[in-house]
Every structure is written in C-alpha cells, then in structure tokens.
Amino acid sequence: RDENGRTLLSLAAGNGHIATVSQLLANPHVDPELSDNRGRTPLSWSAESGHTEVTKMLLSKDGVVGERRDNQGQTPLTLAAHNRHDAVIQLLLAKD
C-alpha cells in the first residue's frame, strides 16, 4: 500500500493498465475489494477514470461489489456519472 492506502491493483485500475490488472486479478492473494484511506476500491478508481475494459474485468470477478460507497458516500456509479463515462455507467447498471 502507498501512503494513501492504495494497493497496486487500485493504482493500476485507476490508470487503465489492462495487462497489470489482468495479472493481479489472476493472483488468488489479491483482494479486489480492499479499500484505501478514502474508502475507495479499485472499481471506484476505474469507474471514476472511465476505464471501460478495466471496469469490466473487475466486475467479472466474484465478490466485487458495484454499489460499495466510499467515505464521502460515492459509489462507482456516481463517480462514473459525475465524469460522464457512459460506457462505464452502462456496465455498472448491468451489474446491478
């Protein structure tokens, strides 16, 4: 974890690094639901940044919760909507 509590998966997801996210999700010791100091998960960061493929990969993982709220009450859906990432919004709505 970095000084903000973000994991490597969180950083890779937020920056749209598809290959890195894929490798990390293949590791059974990597928890895709670990939140950082702001209460955000890798899915939150991916959705906020509009990374459609990474969001799709995270949503396909068992145990990933699409409606999880961060410390400010934001969900991945509200973060994507705020930034007008329509493709990500559709993925998140389909998961619910």
Protein backbone atom coordinates (compact mmCIF):
# COMPACT_ATOMS: atom_id res chain seq x y z
CA ARG A 1 0.00 0.00 0.00
CA ASP A 2 1.10 3.54 -0.65
CA GLU A 3 0.80 6.48 1.76
CA ASN A 4 -2.89 6.83 0.79
CA GLY A 5 -3.63 3.17 1.42
CA ARG A 6 -3.91 2.37 -2.28
CA THR A 7 -2.88 -1.07 -3.47
CA LEU A 8 -1.09 -1.90 -6.70
CA LEU A 9 -4.42 -3.09 -8.11
CA SER A 10 -6.07 0.20 -7.18
CA LEU A 11 -3.32 2.21 -8.88
CA ALA A 12 -3.34 0.02 -11.99
CA ALA A 13 -7.14 0.15 -12.25
CA GLY A 14 -7.24 3.91 -11.85
CA ASN A 15 -4.66 4.34 -14.59
CA GLY A 16 -6.25 1.87 -17.01
CA HIS A 17 -3.39 -0.62 -17.10
CA ILE A 18 -5.30 -3.59 -18.50
CA ALA A 19 -2.42 -6.10 -18.56
CA THR A 20 -1.37 -5.33 -14.98
CA VAL A 21 -4.96 -5.54 -13.72
CA SER A 22 -5.38 -8.87 -15.50
CA GLN A 23 -2.23 -10.30 -13.92
CA LEU A 24 -3.17 -9.07 -10.46
CA LEU A 25 -6.72 -10.42 -10.68
CA ALA A 26 -5.29 -13.84 -11.62
CA ASN A 27 -3.45 -13.93 -8.28
CA PRO A 28 -5.68 -15.55 -5.62
CA HIS A 29 -3.93 -13.49 -2.90
CA VAL A 30 -5.02 -10.15 -4.39
CA ASP A 31 -8.27 -8.84 -2.90
CA PRO A 32 -10.08 -6.60 -5.42
CA GLU A 33 -12.29 -5.20 -2.66
CA LEU A 34 -9.55 -3.71 -0.47
CA SER A 35 -10.30 -0.04 0.05
CA ASP A 36 -7.87 2.81 0.54
CA ASN A 37 -7.87 5.62 3.12
CA ARG A 38 -10.75 7.32 1.25
CA GLY A 39 -12.80 4.12 1.27
CA ARG A 40 -12.35 3.65 -2.47
CA THR A 41 -11.83 0.31 -4.16
CA PRO A 42 -10.08 -0.41 -7.46
CA LEU A 43 -13.54 -0.38 -9.08
CA SER A 44 -14.16 3.13 -7.75
CA TRP A 45 -10.94 4.42 -9.31
CA SER A 46 -11.53 2.63 -12.60
CA ALA A 47 -15.09 3.91 -12.88
CA GLU A 48 -14.14 7.48 -12.00
CA SER A 49 -11.41 7.46 -14.66
CA GLY A 50 -13.65 5.89 -17.32
CA HIS A 51 -11.60 2.77 -17.95
CA THR A 52 -14.23 0.54 -19.54
CA GLU A 53 -12.16 -2.62 -20.01
CA VAL A 54 -10.70 -2.49 -16.52
CA THR A 55 -14.16 -1.88 -15.06
CA LYS A 56 -15.47 -4.89 -16.99
CA MET A 57 -12.62 -7.06 -15.67
CA LEU A 58 -13.24 -6.01 -12.07
CA LEU A 59 -16.99 -6.55 -12.32
CA SER A 60 -16.44 -10.07 -13.65
CA LYS A 61 -14.52 -11.01 -10.50
CA ASP A 62 -16.52 -12.82 -7.81
CA GLY A 63 -17.03 -10.74 -4.70
CA VAL A 64 -16.65 -7.32 -6.33
CA VAL A 65 -19.45 -5.07 -5.11
CA GLY A 66 -20.55 -2.44 -7.61
CA GLU A 67 -22.57 -0.38 -5.13
CA ARG A 68 -19.95 -0.01 -2.40
CA ARG A 69 -19.78 3.55 -1.04
CA ASP A 70 -16.58 5.40 -0.23
CA ASN A 71 -16.08 7.66 2.81
CA GLN A 72 -17.93 10.50 1.05
CA GLY A 73 -20.88 8.27 0.15
CA GLN A 74 -19.91 7.99 -3.52
CA THR A 75 -20.38 4.72 -5.42
CA PRO A 76 -18.53 3.71 -8.59
CA LEU A 77 -21.74 4.57 -10.46
CA THR A 78 -21.95 8.10 -9.07
CA LEU A 79 -18.25 8.65 -9.78
CA ALA A 80 -18.67 7.49 -13.39
CA ALA A 81 -21.82 9.58 -13.82
CA HIS A 82 -20.16 12.70 -12.44
CA ASN A 83 -17.46 12.33 -15.11
CA ARG A 84 -19.92 11.33 -17.87
CA HIS A 85 -18.33 7.96 -18.60
CA ASP A 86 -21.37 6.49 -20.35
CA ALA A 87 -19.88 3.09 -21.22
CA VAL A 88 -18.82 2.54 -17.61
CA ILE A 89 -22.24 3.67 -16.39
CA GLN A 90 -23.89 1.04 -18.59
CA LEU A 91 -21.59 -1.70 -17.25
CA LEU A 92 -22.34 -0.75 -13.66
CA LEU A 93 -26.09 -0.60 -14.26
CA ALA A 94 -25.99 -4.03 -15.91
CA LYS A 95 -24.19 -5.46 -12.85
CA ASP A 96 -26.99 -4.29 -10.52
